[in-house]
Amino acid sequence: MDHMDERIKKEIMEHTDDSIDQLKDDIWNQLDQELFQEKSRREKQMKKKSKAIPIIIAAAAGVMILFSTQTDTGMAFIKQIKDIFVPEKEMIQSIEGTEEPTDVVLQEGKDAEYIIYMDEERYKLIKGENADIITTKEPLEERYPEVSMKIEQFKELTPEEIIATKETELASEYSKVTTTEVVTDPVEGYKLHAIDGGTQWDSPVTNVYVVDNKNGGSFVITEKYFLEAAEGHGARFYAMLQEFEIVE
């Protein structure tokens, strides 16, 4: 940290206002080239951009004023922004043991406090007052159990408080609940897993992920599908969650 502080001070002292302005222009030009020149097939649908994204990019530009974009650190920083916020991209998913390239589209969560990439050919995002739900684009037949992924935020409850409640809820609803575990994939947080009905093809399955929102609260992500769909919908939900990002 001391080394970083000294580097910042050195950069500030060595650049005049004019050179900083020029460097700022260079940074914005590069950000524009990296982030915004790629045209989206859904450009009209993407007009409503997240309010958080310009703020993040502006902050990035402010930091990059102090560090040349030609350094490894600078270029890595730009790539990170690009990778997170491109309107759409191709994602490789492992479906039933096969690597499957899938086009996914950026989705903005409730109040722009998170983003996630979703396969719009198979799923739709329903935004609610208290939670967002990703479910199949076409309704399933009545014989199939629910398939969905609900994302909700509890701003005043810590992950530990959420877990205690969820463990009790799942135990009352499912015949088998595994021990809560700490995970780093597909998200960093806690995972609760439950299944009902044994090993029947239509046995309901639930995965609950609890993620610290870094502001005293928690995101709770609840996946629901059935046993036969574990390598289909279950795998696709897993891949989507790997792209889940909290926007501070």
C-alpha atoms as a PDB file:
ATOM      1  CA  MET A   1       0.000   0.000   0.000  1.00  0.00           C
ATOM      2  CA  ASP A   2       2.847   2.384   0.811  1.00  0.00           C
ATOM      3  CA  HIS A   3       4.387   1.659  -2.572  1.00  0.00           C
ATOM      4  CA  MET A   4       1.047   2.371  -4.230  1.00  0.00           C
ATOM      5  CA  ASP A   5       0.661   5.670  -2.346  1.00  0.00           C
ATOM      6  CA  GLU A   6       4.149   6.761  -3.394  1.00  0.00           C
ATOM      7  CA  ARG A   7       3.394   5.918  -7.019  1.00  0.00           C
ATOM      8  CA  ILE A   8       0.185   7.961  -6.905  1.00  0.00           C
ATOM      9  CA  LYS A   9       1.989  10.941  -5.371  1.00  0.00           C
ATOM     10  CA  LYS A  10       4.723  10.681  -7.984  1.00  0.00           C
ATOM     11  CA  GLU A  11       2.246  10.619 -10.847  1.00  0.00           C
ATOM     12  CA  ILE A  12       0.376  13.625  -9.486  1.00  0.00           C
ATOM     13  CA  MET A  13       3.577  15.627  -9.024  1.00  0.00           C
ATOM     14  CA  GLU A  14       4.967  14.765 -12.444  1.00  0.00           C
ATOM     15  CA  HIS A  15       1.909  15.710 -14.492  1.00  0.00           C
ATOM     16  CA  THR A  16       0.701  19.246 -15.104  1.00  0.00           C
ATOM     17  CA  ASP A  17      -2.996  19.963 -15.489  1.00  0.00           C
ATOM     18  CA  ASP A  18      -2.594  19.964 -19.272  1.00  0.00           C
ATOM     19  CA  SER A  19      -0.892  16.584 -19.363  1.00  0.00           C
ATOM     20  CA  ILE A  20      -3.513  15.118 -17.016  1.00  0.00           C
ATOM     21  CA  ASP A  21      -6.267  16.384 -19.295  1.00  0.00           C
ATOM     22  CA  GLN A  22      -4.524  14.798 -22.262  1.00  0.00           C
ATOM     23  CA  LEU A  23      -4.099  11.539 -20.377  1.00  0.00           C
ATOM     24  CA  LYS A  24      -7.772  11.662 -19.373  1.00  0.00           C
ATOM     25  CA  ASP A  25      -8.746  12.030 -23.036  1.00  0.00           C
ATOM     26  CA  ASP A  26      -6.520   9.105 -23.974  1.00  0.00           C
ATOM     27  CA  ILE A  27      -8.111   6.963 -21.266  1.00  0.00           C
ATOM     28  CA  TRP A  28     -11.654   7.787 -22.316  1.00  0.00           C
ATOM     29  CA  ASN A  29     -10.791   7.115 -25.957  1.00  0.00           C
ATOM     30  CA  GLN A  30      -9.431   3.708 -25.055  1.00  0.00           C
ATOM     31  CA  LEU A  31     -12.381   2.905 -22.808  1.00  0.00           C
ATOM     32  CA  ASP A  32     -14.716   3.923 -25.600  1.00  0.00           C
ATOM     33  CA  GLN A  33     -12.868   1.731 -28.076  1.00  0.00           C
ATOM     34  CA  GLU A  34     -12.777  -1.229 -25.712  1.00  0.00           C
ATOM     35  CA  LEU A  35     -16.286  -0.991 -24.306  1.00  0.00           C
ATOM     36  CA  PHE A  36     -18.656   0.709 -26.676  1.00  0.00           C
ATOM     37  CA  GLN A  37     -17.613   0.049 -30.279  1.00  0.00           C
ATOM     38  CA  GLU A  38     -18.983  -3.509 -30.309  1.00  0.00           C
ATOM     39  CA  LYS A  39     -22.534  -3.299 -31.650  1.00  0.00           C
ATOM     40  CA  SER A  40     -25.203  -5.342 -29.992  1.00  0.00           C
ATOM     41  CA  ARG A  41     -27.839  -7.167 -32.001  1.00  0.00           C
ATOM     42  CA  ARG A  42     -30.245  -5.957 -29.375  1.00  0.00           C
ATOM     43  CA  GLU A  43     -29.112  -2.343 -29.380  1.00  0.00           C
ATOM     44  CA  LYS A  44     -32.624  -0.964 -29.121  1.00  0.00           C
ATOM     45  CA  GLN A  45     -33.358  -3.132 -26.095  1.00  0.00           C
ATOM     46  CA  MET A  46     -30.198  -2.019 -24.364  1.00  0.00           C
ATOM     47  CA  LYS A  47     -30.900   1.739 -24.495  1.00  0.00           C
ATOM     48  CA  LYS A  48     -31.839   1.773 -20.853  1.00  0.00           C
ATOM     49  CA  LYS A  49     -28.375   1.336 -19.367  1.00  0.00           C
ATOM     50  CA  SER A  50     -27.639   0.779 -15.725  1.00  0.00           C
ATOM     51  CA  LYS A  51     -27.161   4.020 -13.815  1.00  0.00           C
ATOM     52  CA  ALA A  52     -24.317   2.352 -11.975  1.00  0.00           C
ATOM     53  CA  ILE A  53     -22.276   1.535 -15.070  1.00  0.00           C
ATOM     54  CA  PRO A  54     -21.347   5.138 -16.047  1.00  0.00           C
ATOM     55  CA  ILE A  55     -20.350   5.791 -12.440  1.00  0.00           C
ATOM     56  CA  ILE A  56     -18.107   2.744 -12.382  1.00  0.00           C
ATOM     57  CA  ILE A  57     -16.510   3.657 -15.703  1.00  0.00           C
ATOM     58  CA  ALA A  58     -15.980   7.240 -14.535  1.00  0.00           C
ATOM     59  CA  ALA A  59     -14.319   5.976 -11.381  1.00  0.00           C
ATOM     60  CA  ALA A  60     -12.173   3.662 -13.463  1.00  0.00           C
ATOM     61  CA  ALA A  61     -11.115   6.569 -15.655  1.00  0.00           C
ATOM     62  CA  GLY A  62     -10.238   8.588 -12.552  1.00  0.00           C
ATOM     63  CA  VAL A  63      -8.006   5.828 -11.274  1.00  0.00           C
ATOM     64  CA  MET A  64      -6.503   5.282 -14.699  1.00  0.00           C
ATOM     65  CA  ILE A  65      -5.464   8.931 -14.901  1.00  0.00           C
ATOM     66  CA  LEU A  66      -2.801   7.984 -12.395  1.00  0.00           C
ATOM     67  CA  PHE A  67      -1.754   4.778 -14.143  1.00  0.00           C
ATOM     68  CA  SER A  68      -0.919   4.484 -17.829  1.00  0.00           C
ATOM     69  CA  THR A  69      -3.302   2.251 -19.765  1.00  0.00           C
ATOM     70  CA  GLN A  70      -0.290   0.683 -21.391  1.00  0.00           C
ATOM     71  CA  THR A  71       0.788  -1.053 -18.173  1.00  0.00           C
ATOM     72  CA  ASP A  72      -0.252  -4.624 -17.446  1.00  0.00           C
ATOM     73  CA  THR A  73      -2.310  -3.402 -14.487  1.00  0.00           C
ATOM     74  CA  GLY A  74      -4.103  -0.786 -16.568  1.00  0.00           C
ATOM     75  CA  MET A  75      -4.954  -3.136 -19.414  1.00  0.00           C
ATOM     76  CA  ALA A  76      -6.140  -5.823 -16.989  1.00  0.00           C
ATOM     77  CA  PHE A  77      -8.391  -3.248 -15.330  1.00  0.00           C
ATOM     78  CA  ILE A  78      -9.949  -2.285 -18.667  1.00  0.00           C
ATOM     79  CA  LYS A  79     -10.430  -5.943 -19.593  1.00  0.00           C
ATOM     80  CA  GLN A  80     -12.206  -6.558 -16.278  1.00  0.00           C
ATOM     81  CA  ILE A  81     -14.671  -3.735 -16.970  1.00  0.00           C
ATOM     82  CA  LYS A  82     -15.188  -4.979 -20.513  1.00  0.00           C
ATOM     83  CA  ASP A  83     -15.757  -8.566 -19.412  1.00  0.00           C
ATOM     84  CA  ILE A  84     -18.332  -7.575 -16.794  1.00  0.00           C
ATOM     85  CA  PHE A  85     -20.396  -5.034 -18.675  1.00  0.00           C
ATOM     86  CA  VAL A  86     -20.502  -5.956 -22.375  1.00  0.00           C
ATOM     87  CA  PRO A  87     -24.179  -6.076 -23.469  1.00  0.00           C
ATOM     88  CA  GLU A  88     -23.881  -9.658 -24.663  1.00  0.00           C
ATOM     89  CA  LYS A  89     -21.258 -12.352 -25.021  1.00  0.00           C
ATOM     90  CA  GLU A  90     -20.716 -16.054 -25.576  1.00  0.00           C
ATOM     91  CA  MET A  91     -20.513 -18.258 -22.511  1.00  0.00           C
ATOM     92  CA  ILE A  92     -19.307 -21.869 -22.459  1.00  0.00           C
ATOM     93  CA  GLN A  93     -21.541 -24.141 -20.396  1.00  0.00           C
ATOM     94  CA  SER A  94     -21.086 -27.794 -19.473  1.00  0.00           C
ATOM     95  CA  ILE A  95     -24.444 -29.395 -20.263  1.00  0.00           C
ATOM     96  CA  GLU A  96     -24.775 -33.147 -19.692  1.00  0.00           C
ATOM     97  CA  GLY A  97     -21.012 -33.549 -20.058  1.00  0.00           C
ATOM     98  CA  THR A  98     -20.773 -31.524 -23.289  1.00  0.00           C
ATOM     99  CA  GLU A  99     -19.203 -28.074 -23.639  1.00  0.00           C
ATOM    100  CA  GLU A 100     -21.900 -25.877 -25.137  1.00  0.00           C
ATOM    101  CA  PRO A 101     -21.318 -22.301 -26.369  1.00  0.00           C
ATOM    102  CA  THR A 102     -24.308 -20.113 -25.509  1.00  0.00           C
ATOM    103  CA  ASP A 103     -25.101 -16.476 -26.312  1.00  0.00           C
ATOM    104  CA  VAL A 104     -26.046 -14.618 -23.126  1.00  0.00           C
ATOM    105  CA  VAL A 105     -27.357 -11.100 -22.573  1.00  0.00           C
ATOM    106  CA  LEU A 106     -26.655  -8.653 -19.742  1.00  0.00           C
ATOM    107  CA  GLN A 107     -29.566  -8.255 -17.334  1.00  0.00           C
ATOM    108  CA  GLU A 108     -29.839  -5.524 -14.724  1.00  0.00           C
ATOM    109  CA  GLY A 109     -31.304  -6.498 -11.385  1.00  0.00           C
ATOM    110  CA  LYS A 110     -33.695  -4.648  -9.125  1.00  0.00           C
ATOM    111  CA  ASP A 111     -32.538  -1.062  -8.484  1.00  0.00           C
ATOM    112  CA  ALA A 112     -29.433  -1.817 -10.584  1.00  0.00           C
ATOM    113  CA  GLU A 113     -27.728  -3.395  -7.562  1.00  0.00           C
ATOM    114  CA  TYR A 114     -26.557  -6.486  -9.415  1.00  0.00           C
ATOM    115  CA  ILE A 115     -26.045  -7.756 -12.945  1.00  0.00           C
ATOM    116  CA  ILE A 116     -26.279 -11.241 -14.403  1.00  0.00           C
ATOM    117  CA  TYR A 117     -26.020 -12.756 -17.874  1.00  0.00           C
ATOM    118  CA  MET A 118     -28.978 -14.800 -19.110  1.00  0.00           C
ATOM    119  CA  ASP A 119     -29.740 -17.080 -22.046  1.00  0.00           C
ATOM    120  CA  GLU A 120     -32.713 -15.252 -23.558  1.00  0.00           C
ATOM    121  CA  GLU A 121     -33.556 -18.104 -25.916  1.00  0.00           C
ATOM    122  CA  ARG A 122     -34.504 -20.335 -22.981  1.00  0.00           C
ATOM    123  CA  TYR A 123     -35.271 -18.019 -20.069  1.00  0.00           C
ATOM    124  CA  LYS A 124     -36.956 -14.768 -19.159  1.00  0.00           C
ATOM    125  CA  LEU A 125     -36.420 -12.366 -16.256  1.00  0.00           C
ATOM    126  CA  ILE A 126     -39.484 -11.262 -14.318  1.00  0.00           C
ATOM    127  CA  LYS A 127     -38.828  -8.231 -12.120  1.00  0.00           C
ATOM    128  CA  GLY A 128     -40.954  -8.016  -9.006  1.00  0.00           C
ATOM    129  CA  GLU A 129     -41.298  -5.536  -6.193  1.00  0.00           C
ATOM    130  CA  ASN A 130     -39.358  -7.693  -3.735  1.00  0.00           C
ATOM    131  CA  ALA A 131     -37.523 -10.193  -5.938  1.00  0.00           C
ATOM    132  CA  ASP A 132     -36.480 -10.969  -9.501  1.00  0.00           C
ATOM    133  CA  ILE A 133     -37.253 -14.387 -10.960  1.00  0.00           C
ATOM    134  CA  ILE A 134     -35.578 -16.120 -13.881  1.00  0.00           C
ATOM    135  CA  THR A 135     -37.764 -18.885 -15.287  1.00  0.00           C
ATOM    136  CA  THR A 136     -38.313 -20.787 -18.524  1.00  0.00           C
ATOM    137  CA  LYS A 137     -39.320 -18.679 -21.496  1.00  0.00           C
ATOM    138  CA  GLU A 138     -42.041 -21.160 -22.370  1.00  0.00           C
ATOM    139  CA  PRO A 139     -44.209 -22.487 -19.503  1.00  0.00           C
ATOM    140  CA  LEU A 140     -43.555 -26.117 -18.582  1.00  0.00           C
ATOM    141  CA  GLU A 141     -46.277 -28.739 -18.624  1.00  0.00           C
ATOM    142  CA  GLU A 142     -48.118 -29.215 -15.337  1.00  0.00           C
ATOM    143  CA  ARG A 143     -46.434 -32.579 -14.703  1.00  0.00           C
ATOM    144  CA  TYR A 144     -43.076 -30.847 -14.182  1.00  0.00           C
ATOM    145  CA  PRO A 145     -42.092 -29.303 -10.837  1.00  0.00           C
ATOM    146  CA  GLU A 146     -41.196 -25.610 -10.727  1.00  0.00           C
ATOM    147  CA  VAL A 147     -38.067 -24.449 -12.565  1.00  0.00           C
ATOM    148  CA  SER A 148     -36.888 -21.004 -11.481  1.00  0.00           C
ATOM    149  CA  MET A 149     -34.117 -18.945  -9.954  1.00  0.00           C
ATOM    150  CA  LYS A 150     -35.208 -16.205  -7.557  1.00  0.00           C
ATOM    151  CA  ILE A 151     -32.849 -13.361  -6.639  1.00  0.00           C
ATOM    152  CA  GLU A 152     -33.735 -11.182  -3.664  1.00  0.00           C
ATOM    153  CA  GLN A 153     -31.879  -8.828  -1.365  1.00  0.00           C
ATOM    154  CA  PHE A 154     -32.262  -8.405   2.386  1.00  0.00           C
ATOM    155  CA  LYS A 155     -30.456  -5.189   3.216  1.00  0.00           C
ATOM    156  CA  GLU A 156     -30.637  -5.511   6.988  1.00  0.00           C
ATOM    157  CA  LEU A 157     -29.959  -9.224   7.479  1.00  0.00           C
ATOM    158  CA  THR A 158     -26.468 -10.731   7.522  1.00  0.00           C
ATOM    159  CA  PRO A 159     -25.741 -14.038   5.756  1.00  0.00           C
ATOM    160  CA  GLU A 160     -25.540 -15.793   9.115  1.00  0.00           C
ATOM    161  CA  GLU A 161     -29.003 -14.571  10.081  1.00  0.00           C
ATOM    162  CA  ILE A 162     -30.419 -15.652   6.728  1.00  0.00           C
ATOM    163  CA  ILE A 163     -28.864 -19.106   6.949  1.00  0.00           C
ATOM    164  CA  ALA A 164     -30.421 -19.859  10.338  1.00  0.00           C
ATOM    165  CA  THR A 165     -33.872 -19.078   8.954  1.00  0.00           C
ATOM    166  CA  LYS A 166     -33.379 -20.944   5.664  1.00  0.00           C
ATOM    167  CA  GLU A 167     -32.134 -24.098   7.370  1.00  0.00           C
ATOM    168  CA  THR A 168     -35.353 -24.239   9.398  1.00  0.00           C
ATOM    169  CA  GLU A 169     -37.547 -23.541   6.353  1.00  0.00           C
ATOM    170  CA  LEU A 170     -35.926 -26.191   4.180  1.00  0.00           C
ATOM    171  CA  ALA A 171     -36.053 -28.793   6.950  1.00  0.00           C
ATOM    172  CA  SER A 172     -39.820 -28.314   7.179  1.00  0.00           C
ATOM    173  CA  GLU A 173     -40.378 -28.564   3.409  1.00  0.00           C
ATOM    174  CA  TYR A 174     -37.924 -31.214   2.176  1.00  0.00           C
ATOM    175  CA  SER A 175     -37.159 -34.771   3.230  1.00  0.00           C
ATOM    176  CA  LYS A 176     -33.392 -34.343   2.867  1.00  0.00           C
ATOM    177  CA  VAL A 177     -31.339 -31.222   3.631  1.00  0.00           C
ATOM    178  CA  THR A 178     -27.554 -31.290   3.469  1.00  0.00           C
ATOM    179  CA  THR A 179     -25.266 -29.401   5.818  1.00  0.00           C
ATOM    180  CA  THR A 180     -24.732 -25.744   4.925  1.00  0.00           C
ATOM    181  CA  GLU A 181     -21.356 -25.241   3.263  1.00  0.00           C
ATOM    182  CA  VAL A 182     -19.077 -22.326   2.389  1.00  0.00           C
ATOM    183  CA  VAL A 183     -18.558 -22.068  -1.385  1.00  0.00           C
ATOM    184  CA  THR A 184     -16.532 -19.990  -3.819  1.00  0.00           C
ATOM    185  CA  ASP A 185     -18.233 -21.242  -6.981  1.00  0.00           C
ATOM    186  CA  PRO A 186     -20.539 -20.327  -8.638  1.00  0.00           C
ATOM    187  CA  VAL A 187     -20.654 -17.454  -6.118  1.00  0.00           C
ATOM    188  CA  GLU A 188     -18.778 -16.651  -2.918  1.00  0.00           C
ATOM    189  CA  GLY A 189     -20.964 -17.305   0.069  1.00  0.00           C
ATOM    190  CA  TYR A 190     -22.979 -20.136   1.581  1.00  0.00           C
ATOM    191  CA  LYS A 191     -24.915 -22.953  -0.063  1.00  0.00           C
ATOM    192  CA  LEU A 192     -27.888 -24.901   1.255  1.00  0.00           C
ATOM    193  CA  HIS A 193     -29.132 -27.930  -0.707  1.00  0.00           C
ATOM    194  CA  ALA A 194     -32.393 -29.831  -0.322  1.00  0.00           C
ATOM    195  CA  ILE A 195     -34.280 -32.548  -2.202  1.00  0.00           C
ATOM    196  CA  ASP A 196     -37.672 -34.161  -1.702  1.00  0.00           C
ATOM    197  CA  GLY A 197     -39.040 -37.503  -2.883  1.00  0.00           C
ATOM    198  CA  GLY A 198     -35.842 -39.510  -3.012  1.00  0.00           C
ATOM    199  CA  THR A 199     -34.485 -40.438  -6.442  1.00  0.00           C
ATOM    200  CA  GLN A 200     -37.605 -40.091  -8.579  1.00  0.00           C
ATOM    201  CA  TRP A 201     -37.135 -38.196 -11.864  1.00  0.00           C
ATOM    202  CA  ASP A 202     -39.474 -35.460 -10.690  1.00  0.00           C
ATOM    203  CA  SER A 203     -38.084 -35.099  -7.159  1.00  0.00           C
ATOM    204  CA  PRO A 204     -38.015 -31.329  -6.401  1.00  0.00           C
ATOM    205  CA  VAL A 205     -34.539 -29.881  -5.837  1.00  0.00           C
ATOM    206  CA  THR A 206     -33.666 -26.567  -4.216  1.00  0.00           C
ATOM    207  CA  ASN A 207     -30.310 -24.815  -3.912  1.00  0.00           C
ATOM    208  CA  VAL A 208     -30.088 -21.663  -1.811  1.00  0.00           C
ATOM    209  CA  TYR A 209     -27.037 -19.406  -2.111  1.00  0.00           C
ATOM    210  CA  VAL A 210     -26.528 -16.640   0.454  1.00  0.00           C
ATOM    211  CA  VAL A 211     -24.096 -13.890  -0.562  1.00  0.00           C
ATOM    212  CA  ASP A 212     -22.828 -10.970   1.511  1.00  0.00           C
ATOM    213  CA  ASN A 213     -23.873  -7.714  -0.208  1.00  0.00           C
ATOM    214  CA  LYS A 214     -20.825  -5.960   1.314  1.00  0.00           C
ATOM    215  CA  ASN A 215     -23.100  -3.397   2.947  1.00  0.00           C
ATOM    216  CA  GLY A 216     -24.490  -5.129   6.012  1.00  0.00           C
ATOM    217  CA  GLY A 217     -27.023  -7.247   4.161  1.00  0.00           C
ATOM    218  CA  SER A 218     -27.390 -10.294   1.934  1.00  0.00           C
ATOM    219  CA  PHE A 219     -28.422 -11.508  -1.485  1.00  0.00           C
ATOM    220  CA  VAL A 220     -30.394 -14.753  -1.420  1.00  0.00           C
ATOM    221  CA  ILE A 221     -30.546 -16.778  -4.628  1.00  0.00           C
ATOM    222  CA  THR A 222     -32.965 -19.702  -4.662  1.00  0.00           C
ATOM    223  CA  GLU A 223     -32.803 -22.254  -7.474  1.00  0.00           C
ATOM    224  CA  LYS A 224     -35.664 -24.686  -8.040  1.00  0.00           C
ATOM    225  CA  TYR A 225     -35.758 -27.551 -10.523  1.00  0.00           C
ATOM    226  CA  PHE A 226     -36.253 -31.324 -10.480  1.00  0.00           C
ATOM    227  CA  LEU A 227     -33.802 -34.199 -10.294  1.00  0.00           C
ATOM    228  CA  GLU A 228     -33.908 -35.138 -13.987  1.00  0.00           C
ATOM    229  CA  ALA A 229     -33.164 -31.502 -14.892  1.00  0.00           C
ATOM    230  CA  ALA A 230     -30.026 -31.270 -12.721  1.00  0.00           C
ATOM    231  CA  GLU A 231     -27.715 -31.510 -15.743  1.00  0.00           C
ATOM    232  CA  GLY A 232     -29.944 -29.274 -17.832  1.00  0.00           C
ATOM    233  CA  HIS A 233     -31.620 -26.394 -16.017  1.00  0.00           C
ATOM    234  CA  GLY A 234     -29.461 -26.965 -12.943  1.00  0.00           C
ATOM    235  CA  ALA A 235     -26.256 -26.652 -14.974  1.00  0.00           C
ATOM    236  CA  ARG A 236     -27.547 -23.584 -16.814  1.00  0.00           C
ATOM    237  CA  PHE A 237     -28.480 -21.852 -13.547  1.00  0.00           C
ATOM    238  CA  TYR A 238     -25.008 -22.679 -12.236  1.00  0.00           C
ATOM    239  CA  ALA A 239     -23.381 -21.078 -15.302  1.00  0.00           C
ATOM    240  CA  MET A 240     -25.570 -17.978 -14.999  1.00  0.00           C
ATOM    241  CA  LEU A 241     -24.657 -17.573 -11.343  1.00  0.00           C
ATOM    242  CA  GLN A 242     -20.973 -17.615 -12.244  1.00  0.00           C
ATOM    243  CA  GLU A 243     -21.687 -14.305 -14.017  1.00  0.00           C
ATOM    244  CA  PHE A 244     -23.547 -12.767 -11.062  1.00  0.00           C
ATOM    245  CA  GLU A 245     -21.926  -9.503  -9.948  1.00  0.00           C
ATOM    246  CA  ILE A 246     -22.952  -7.098  -7.194  1.00  0.00           C
ATOM    247  CA  VAL A 247     -22.871  -3.474  -8.388  1.00  0.00           C
ATOM    248  CA  GLU A 248     -21.862  -1.234  -5.505  1.00  0.00           C
END
